[in-house]
């Protein structure tokens, strides 16, 4: 009985990891384009492959870093 439960838990973990990896691969393409348009290296989007921390790292860089290709807001006024 215990072996069956461990096997079910392992299967659930594998399904979760496969889903996470698939979602990460889907998110790499738009993030790559956003990073290159902002002036960053597109390889920055590969951080999506890091569990949990990768998405927050990319969001932090895009939100708080000075964009090399970005426009200064004071020039628009």
PDB file of N, CA and C in Angstrom:
ATOM      1  N   UNK A   1       0.823  -1.195   0.000  1.00  0.00           N
ATOM      2  CA  UNK A   1       0.000   0.000   0.000  1.00  0.00           C
ATOM      3  C   UNK A   1       0.867   1.259   0.000  1.00  0.00           C
ATOM      4  N   UNK A   2       1.912   1.272   0.787  1.00  0.00           N
ATOM      5  CA  UNK A   2       2.770   2.450   0.881  1.00  0.00           C
ATOM      6  C   UNK A   2       3.514   2.686  -0.432  1.00  0.00           C
ATOM      7  N   UNK A   3       3.917   1.634  -1.106  1.00  0.00           N
ATOM      8  CA  UNK A   3       4.622   1.774  -2.373  1.00  0.00           C
ATOM      9  C   UNK A   3       3.723   2.416  -3.417  1.00  0.00           C
ATOM     10  N   UNK A   4       2.467   2.064  -3.426  1.00  0.00           N
ATOM     11  CA  UNK A   4       1.517   2.644  -4.362  1.00  0.00           C
ATOM     12  C   UNK A   4       1.374   4.149  -4.140  1.00  0.00           C
ATOM     13  N   UNK A   5       1.296   4.559  -2.872  1.00  0.00           N
ATOM     14  CA  UNK A   5       1.182   5.980  -2.562  1.00  0.00           C
ATOM     15  C   UNK A   5       2.438   6.744  -2.966  1.00  0.00           C
ATOM     16  N   UNK A   6       3.597   6.166  -2.741  1.00  0.00           N
ATOM     17  CA  UNK A   6       4.842   6.808  -3.153  1.00  0.00           C
ATOM     18  C   UNK A   6       4.916   6.922  -4.671  1.00  0.00           C
ATOM     19  N   UNK A   7       4.458   5.880  -5.369  1.00  0.00           N
ATOM     20  CA  UNK A   7       4.437   5.923  -6.822  1.00  0.00           C
ATOM     21  C   UNK A   7       3.488   6.983  -7.341  1.00  0.00           C
ATOM     22  N   UNK A   8       2.357   7.151  -6.707  1.00  0.00           N
ATOM     23  CA  UNK A   8       1.393   8.174  -7.101  1.00  0.00           C
ATOM     24  C   UNK A   8       1.951   9.569  -6.851  1.00  0.00           C
ATOM     25  N   UNK A   9       2.646   9.742  -5.739  1.00  0.00           N
ATOM     26  CA  UNK A   9       3.268  11.028  -5.447  1.00  0.00           C
ATOM     27  C   UNK A   9       4.363  11.366  -6.448  1.00  0.00           C
ATOM     28  N   UNK A  10       5.120  10.362  -6.833  1.00  0.00           N
ATOM     29  CA  UNK A  10       6.170  10.566  -7.827  1.00  0.00           C
ATOM     30  C   UNK A  10       5.563  10.933  -9.171  1.00  0.00           C
ATOM     31  N   UNK A  11       4.487  10.266  -9.543  1.00  0.00           N
ATOM     32  CA  UNK A  11       3.813  10.582 -10.804  1.00  0.00           C
ATOM     33  C   UNK A  11       3.265  12.009 -10.787  1.00  0.00           C
ATOM     34  N   UNK A  12       2.672  12.412  -9.673  1.00  0.00           N
ATOM     35  CA  UNK A  12       2.157  13.778  -9.563  1.00  0.00           C
ATOM     36  C   UNK A  12       3.288  14.792  -9.661  1.00  0.00           C
ATOM     37  N   UNK A  13       4.422  14.504  -9.052  1.00  0.00           N
ATOM     38  CA  UNK A  13       5.568  15.409  -9.126  1.00  0.00           C
ATOM     39  C   UNK A  13       6.101  15.496 -10.548  1.00  0.00           C
ATOM     40  N   UNK A  14       6.170  14.393 -11.241  1.00  0.00           N
ATOM     41  CA  UNK A  14       6.643  14.394 -12.626  1.00  0.00           C
ATOM     42  C   UNK A  14       5.690  15.169 -13.541  1.00  0.00           C
ATOM     43  N   UNK A  15       4.393  15.022 -13.327  1.00  0.00           N
ATOM     44  CA  UNK A  15       3.414  15.764 -14.119  1.00  0.00           C
ATOM     45  C   UNK A  15       3.542  17.256 -13.840  1.00  0.00           C
ATOM     46  N   UNK A  16       3.727  17.631 -12.574  1.00  0.00           N
ATOM     47  CA  UNK A  16       3.906  19.039 -12.225  1.00  0.00           C
ATOM     48  C   UNK A  16       5.170  19.605 -12.865  1.00  0.00           C
ATOM     49  N   UNK A  17       6.276  18.880 -12.790  1.00  0.00           N
ATOM     50  CA  UNK A  17       7.536  19.356 -13.375  1.00  0.00           C
ATOM     51  C   UNK A  17       7.448  19.456 -14.891  1.00  0.00           C
ATOM     52  N   UNK A  18       6.769  18.502 -15.525  1.00  0.00           N
ATOM     53  CA  UNK A  18       6.591  18.560 -16.976  1.00  0.00           C
ATOM     54  C   UNK A  18       5.751  19.774 -17.370  1.00  0.00           C
ATOM     55  N   UNK A  19       4.688  20.037 -16.622  1.00  0.00           N
ATOM     56  CA  UNK A  19       3.851  21.199 -16.892  1.00  0.00           C
ATOM     57  C   UNK A  19       4.605  22.501 -16.679  1.00  0.00           C
ATOM     58  N   UNK A  20       5.411  22.559 -15.629  1.00  0.00           N
ATOM     59  CA  UNK A  20       6.202  23.751 -15.364  1.00  0.00           C
ATOM     60  C   UNK A  20       7.217  23.981 -16.481  1.00  0.00           C
ATOM     61  N   UNK A  21       7.878  22.920 -16.918  1.00  0.00           N
ATOM     62  CA  UNK A  21       8.864  23.034 -17.993  1.00  0.00           C
ATOM     63  C   UNK A  21       8.196  23.464 -19.296  1.00  0.00           C
ATOM     64  N   UNK A  22       7.029  22.923 -19.592  1.00  0.00           N
ATOM     65  CA  UNK A  22       6.298  23.294 -20.801  1.00  0.00           C
ATOM     66  C   UNK A  22       5.871  24.764 -20.758  1.00  0.00           C
ATOM     67  N   UNK A  23       5.365  25.217 -19.628  1.00  0.00           N
ATOM     68  CA  UNK A  23       4.981  26.618 -19.485  1.00  0.00           C
ATOM     69  C   UNK A  23       6.197  27.538 -19.594  1.00  0.00           C
ATOM     70  N   UNK A  24       7.320  27.100 -19.046  1.00  0.00           N
ATOM     71  CA  UNK A  24       8.547  27.895 -19.153  1.00  0.00           C
ATOM     72  C   UNK A  24       8.996  28.026 -20.601  1.00  0.00           C
ATOM     73  N   UNK A  25       8.904  26.949 -21.352  1.00  0.00           N
ATOM     74  CA  UNK A  25       9.283  27.007 -22.760  1.00  0.00           C
ATOM     75  C   UNK A  25       8.364  27.935 -23.546  1.00  0.00           C
ATOM     76  N   UNK A  26       7.087  27.940 -23.201  1.00  0.00           N
ATOM     77  CA  UNK A  26       6.145  28.823 -23.881  1.00  0.00           C
ATOM     78  C   UNK A  26       6.432  30.282 -23.536  1.00  0.00           C
ATOM     79  N   UNK A  27       6.846  30.564 -22.309  1.00  0.00           N
ATOM     80  CA  UNK A  27       7.099  31.933 -21.876  1.00  0.00           C
ATOM     81  C   UNK A  27       8.430  32.481 -22.384  1.00  0.00           C
ATOM     82  N   UNK A  28       9.348  31.616 -22.791  1.00  0.00           N
ATOM     83  CA  UNK A  28      10.656  32.078 -23.253  1.00  0.00           C
ATOM     84  C   UNK A  28      10.526  32.921 -24.517  1.00  0.00           C
ATOM     85  N   UNK A  29       9.667  32.541 -25.447  1.00  0.00           N
ATOM     86  CA  UNK A  29       9.564  33.241 -26.733  1.00  0.00           C
ATOM     87  C   UNK A  29       9.106  34.692 -26.560  1.00  0.00           C
ATOM     88  N   UNK A  30       7.994  34.984 -25.874  1.00  0.00           N
ATOM     89  CA  UNK A  30       7.625  36.399 -25.738  1.00  0.00           C
ATOM     90  C   UNK A  30       8.596  37.190 -24.862  1.00  0.00           C
ATOM     91  N   UNK A  31       9.147  36.546 -23.842  1.00  0.00           N
ATOM     92  CA  UNK A  31      10.100  37.246 -22.986  1.00  0.00           C
ATOM     93  C   UNK A  31      11.375  37.571 -23.753  1.00  0.00           C
ATOM     94  N   UNK A  32      11.799  36.676 -24.642  1.00  0.00           N
ATOM     95  CA  UNK A  32      12.977  36.929 -25.472  1.00  0.00           C
ATOM     96  C   UNK A  32      12.759  38.192 -26.319  1.00  0.00           C
ATOM     97  N   UNK A  33      11.575  38.301 -26.922  1.00  0.00           N
ATOM     98  CA  UNK A  33      11.272  39.469 -27.753  1.00  0.00           C
ATOM     99  C   UNK A  33      11.203  40.753 -26.927  1.00  0.00           C
ATOM    100  N   UNK A  34      10.615  40.687 -25.751  1.00  0.00           N
ATOM    101  CA  UNK A  34      10.542  41.860 -24.886  1.00  0.00           C
ATOM    102  C   UNK A  34      11.939  42.306 -24.477  1.00  0.00           C
ATOM    103  N   UNK A  35      12.790  41.358 -24.104  1.00  0.00           N
ATOM    104  CA  UNK A  35      14.141  41.701 -23.666  1.00  0.00           C
ATOM    105  C   UNK A  35      14.956  42.317 -24.801  1.00  0.00           C
ATOM    106  N   UNK A  36      14.844  41.773 -26.007  1.00  0.00           N
ATOM    107  CA  UNK A  36      15.618  42.335 -27.113  1.00  0.00           C
ATOM    108  C   UNK A  36      15.101  43.714 -27.506  1.00  0.00           C
ATOM    109  N   UNK A  37      13.796  43.939 -27.450  1.00  0.00           N
ATOM    110  CA  UNK A  37      13.256  45.263 -27.763  1.00  0.00           C
ATOM    111  C   UNK A  37      13.630  46.290 -26.701  1.00  0.00           C
ATOM    112  N   UNK A  38      13.796  45.831 -25.474  1.00  0.00           N
ATOM    113  CA  UNK A  38      14.181  46.738 -24.397  1.00  0.00           C
ATOM    114  C   UNK A  38      15.681  47.001 -24.394  1.00  0.00           C
ATOM    115  N   UNK A  39      16.442  46.227 -25.164  1.00  0.00           N
ATOM    116  CA  UNK A  39      17.877  46.438 -25.246  1.00  0.00           C
ATOM    117  C   UNK A  39      18.692  45.464 -24.418  1.00  0.00           C
ATOM    118  N   UNK A  40      18.033  44.501 -23.781  1.00  0.00           N
ATOM    119  CA  UNK A  40      18.739  43.487 -23.008  1.00  0.00           C
ATOM    120  C   UNK A  40      19.040  42.292 -23.894  1.00  0.00           C
ATOM    121  N   UNK A  41      19.892  41.408 -23.422  1.00  0.00           N
ATOM    122  CA  UNK A  41      20.158  40.175 -24.140  1.00  0.00           C
ATOM    123  C   UNK A  41      18.920  39.282 -24.064  1.00  0.00           C
ATOM    124  N   UNK A  42      18.582  38.654 -25.175  1.00  0.00           N
ATOM    125  CA  UNK A  42      17.431  37.762 -25.186  1.00  0.00           C
ATOM    126  C   UNK A  42      17.637  36.539 -24.323  1.00  0.00           C
ATOM    127  N   UNK A  43      18.894  36.194 -24.080  1.00  0.00           N
ATOM    128  CA  UNK A  43      19.196  35.025 -23.248  1.00  0.00           C
ATOM    129  C   UNK A  43      18.722  35.215 -21.810  1.00  0.00           C
ATOM    130  N   UNK A  44      18.408  36.444 -21.440  1.00  0.00           N
ATOM    131  CA  UNK A  44      17.865  36.701 -20.108  1.00  0.00           C
ATOM    132  C   UNK A  44      16.561  35.926 -19.903  1.00  0.00           C
ATOM    133  N   UNK A  45      15.837  35.670 -20.985  1.00  0.00           N
ATOM    134  CA  UNK A  45      14.571  34.948 -20.873  1.00  0.00           C
ATOM    135  C   UNK A  45      14.764  33.484 -20.496  1.00  0.00           C
ATOM    136  N   UNK A  46      15.962  32.961 -20.617  1.00  0.00           N
ATOM    137  CA  UNK A  46      16.212  31.574 -20.232  1.00  0.00           C
ATOM    138  C   UNK A  46      16.133  31.366 -18.722  1.00  0.00           C
ATOM    139  N   UNK A  47      16.074  32.451 -17.964  1.00  0.00           N
ATOM    140  CA  UNK A  47      15.883  32.320 -16.522  1.00  0.00           C
ATOM    141  C   UNK A  47      14.517  31.732 -16.189  1.00  0.00           C
ATOM    142  N   UNK A  48      13.612  31.687 -17.151  1.00  0.00           N
ATOM    143  CA  UNK A  48      12.319  31.033 -16.923  1.00  0.00           C
ATOM    144  C   UNK A  48      12.495  29.565 -16.578  1.00  0.00           C
ATOM    145  N   UNK A  49      13.595  28.978 -16.969  1.00  0.00           N
ATOM    146  CA  UNK A  49      13.820  27.565 -16.686  1.00  0.00           C
ATOM    147  C   UNK A  49      14.188  27.304 -15.227  1.00  0.00           C
ATOM    148  N   UNK A  50      14.548  28.340 -14.478  1.00  0.00           N
ATOM    149  CA  UNK A  50      14.813  28.177 -13.053  1.00  0.00           C
ATOM    150  C   UNK A  50      13.485  28.140 -12.302  1.00  0.00           C
ATOM    151  N   UNK A  51      13.256  27.117 -11.526  1.00  0.00           N
ATOM    152  CA  UNK A  51      11.984  27.039 -10.801  1.00  0.00           C
ATOM    153  C   UNK A  51      11.803  28.200  -9.830  1.00  0.00           C
ATOM    154  N   UNK A  52      10.645  28.760  -9.801  1.00  0.00           N
ATOM    155  CA  UNK A  52      10.141  29.813  -8.921  1.00  0.00           C
ATOM    156  C   UNK A  52      10.938  31.113  -9.032  1.00  0.00           C
ATOM    157  N   UNK A  53      12.230  31.081  -8.839  1.00  0.00           N
ATOM    158  CA  UNK A  53      13.048  32.288  -8.779  1.00  0.00           C
ATOM    159  C   UNK A  53      13.210  32.935 -10.155  1.00  0.00           C
ATOM    160  N   UNK A  54      13.212  32.154 -11.218  1.00  0.00           N
ATOM    161  CA  UNK A  54      13.479  32.665 -12.556  1.00  0.00           C
ATOM    162  C   UNK A  54      12.493  33.717 -13.012  1.00  0.00           C
ATOM    163  N   UNK A  55      11.219  33.484 -12.817  1.00  0.00           N
ATOM    164  CA  UNK A  55      10.209  34.440 -13.250  1.00  0.00           C
ATOM    165  C   UNK A  55      10.327  35.746 -12.484  1.00  0.00           C
ATOM    166  N   UNK A  56      10.556  35.659 -11.192  1.00  0.00           N
ATOM    167  CA  UNK A  56      10.691  36.869 -10.383  1.00  0.00           C
ATOM    168  C   UNK A  56      11.951  37.646 -10.761  1.00  0.00           C
ATOM    169  N   UNK A  57      13.001  36.947 -11.112  1.00  0.00           N
ATOM    170  CA  UNK A  57      14.240  37.601 -11.514  1.00  0.00           C
ATOM    171  C   UNK A  57      14.044  38.382 -12.810  1.00  0.00           C
ATOM    172  N   UNK A  58      13.385  37.777 -13.782  1.00  0.00           N
ATOM    173  CA  UNK A  58      13.133  38.466 -15.054  1.00  0.00           C
ATOM    174  C   UNK A  58      12.218  39.668 -14.848  1.00  0.00           C
ATOM    175  N   UNK A  59      11.166  39.488 -14.061  1.00  0.00           N
ATOM    176  CA  UNK A  59      10.258  40.601 -13.786  1.00  0.00           C
ATOM    177  C   UNK A  59      10.975  41.739 -13.074  1.00  0.00           C
ATOM    178  N   UNK A  60      11.857  41.417 -12.146  1.00  0.00           N
ATOM    179  CA  UNK A  60      12.585  42.447 -11.414  1.00  0.00           C
ATOM    180  C   UNK A  60      13.521  43.218 -12.345  1.00  0.00           C
ATOM    181  N   UNK A  61      14.197  42.508 -13.229  1.00  0.00           N
ATOM    182  CA  UNK A  61      15.107  43.181 -14.165  1.00  0.00           C
ATOM    183  C   UNK A  61      14.326  44.093 -15.101  1.00  0.00           C
ATOM    184  N   UNK A  62      13.235  43.591 -15.644  1.00  0.00           N
ATOM    185  CA  UNK A  62      12.454  44.401 -16.577  1.00  0.00           C
ATOM    186  C   UNK A  62      11.750  45.566 -15.884  1.00  0.00           C
ATOM    187  N   UNK A  63      11.389  45.396 -14.638  1.00  0.00           N
ATOM    188  CA  UNK A  63      10.654  46.449 -13.937  1.00  0.00           C
ATOM    189  C   UNK A  63      11.563  47.536 -13.380  1.00  0.00           C
ATOM    190  N   UNK A  64      12.729  47.164 -12.871  1.00  0.00           N
ATOM    191  CA  UNK A  64      13.529  48.123 -12.120  1.00  0.00           C
ATOM    192  C   UNK A  64      14.833  48.545 -12.793  1.00  0.00           C
ATOM    193  N   UNK A  65      15.258  47.858 -13.829  1.00  0.00           N
ATOM    194  CA  UNK A  65      16.509  48.228 -14.495  1.00  0.00           C
ATOM    195  C   UNK A  65      16.265  49.344 -15.504  1.00  0.00           C
ATOM    196  N   UNK A  66      17.293  50.102 -15.763  1.00  0.00           N
ATOM    197  CA  UNK A  66      17.238  51.137 -16.801  1.00  0.00           C
ATOM    198  C   UNK A  66      17.327  50.444 -18.155  1.00  0.00           C
ATOM    199  N   UNK A  67      16.330  50.614 -19.004  1.00  0.00           N
ATOM    200  CA  UNK A  67      16.321  49.952 -20.305  1.00  0.00           C
ATOM    201  C   UNK A  67      17.265  50.670 -21.258  1.00  0.00           C
ATOM    202  N   UNK A  68      18.200  49.932 -21.871  1.00  0.00           N
ATOM    203  CA  UNK A  68      19.111  50.572 -22.820  1.00  0.00           C
ATOM    204  C   UNK A  68      18.395  51.202 -24.020  1.00  0.00           C
ATOM    205  N   UNK A  69      17.327  50.606 -24.494  1.00  0.00           N
ATOM    206  CA  UNK A  69      16.581  51.153 -25.633  1.00  0.00           C
ATOM    207  C   UNK A  69      15.341  51.921 -25.203  1.00  0.00           C
ATOM    208  N   UNK A  70      15.141  52.070 -23.912  1.00  0.00           N
ATOM    209  CA  UNK A  70      13.927  52.714 -23.411  1.00  0.00           C
ATOM    210  C   UNK A  70      13.960  54.214 -23.591  1.00  0.00           C
ATOM    211  N   UNK A  71      12.773  54.790 -23.568  1.00  0.00           N
ATOM    212  CA  UNK A  71      12.639  56.238 -23.698  1.00  0.00           C
ATOM    213  C   UNK A  71      12.568  56.854 -22.303  1.00  0.00           C
ATOM    214  N   UNK A  72      13.172  57.977 -22.161  1.00  0.00           N
ATOM    215  CA  UNK A  72      13.100  58.717 -20.901  1.00  0.00           C
ATOM    216  C   UNK A  72      11.745  59.416 -20.840  1.00  0.00           C
ATOM    217  N   UNK A  73      11.053  59.284 -19.716  1.00  0.00           N
ATOM    218  CA  UNK A  73       9.717  59.857 -19.593  1.00  0.00           C
ATOM    219  C   UNK A  73       9.740  61.383 -19.599  1.00  0.00           C
ATOM    220  N   UNK A  74      10.834  61.995 -19.188  1.00  0.00           N
ATOM    221  CA  UNK A  74      10.892  63.448 -19.173  1.00  0.00           C
ATOM    222  C   UNK A  74      10.957  64.017 -20.583  1.00  0.00           C
ATOM    223  N   UNK A  75      11.435  63.264 -21.551  1.00  0.00           N
ATOM    224  CA  UNK A  75      11.498  63.723 -22.921  1.00  0.00           C
ATOM    225  C   UNK A  75      10.119  63.746 -23.589  1.00  0.00           C
ATOM    226  N   UNK A  76       9.202  62.975 -23.078  1.00  0.00           N
ATOM    227  CA  UNK A  76       7.882  62.882 -23.694  1.00  0.00           C
ATOM    228  C   UNK A  76       7.012  64.083 -23.345  1.00  0.00           C
ATOM    229  N   UNK A  77       7.305  64.809 -22.288  1.00  0.00           N
ATOM    230  CA  UNK A  77       6.461  65.925 -21.838  1.00  0.00           C
ATOM    231  C   UNK A  77       6.893  67.219 -22.404  1.00  0.00           C
TER     232      UNK A  77
END
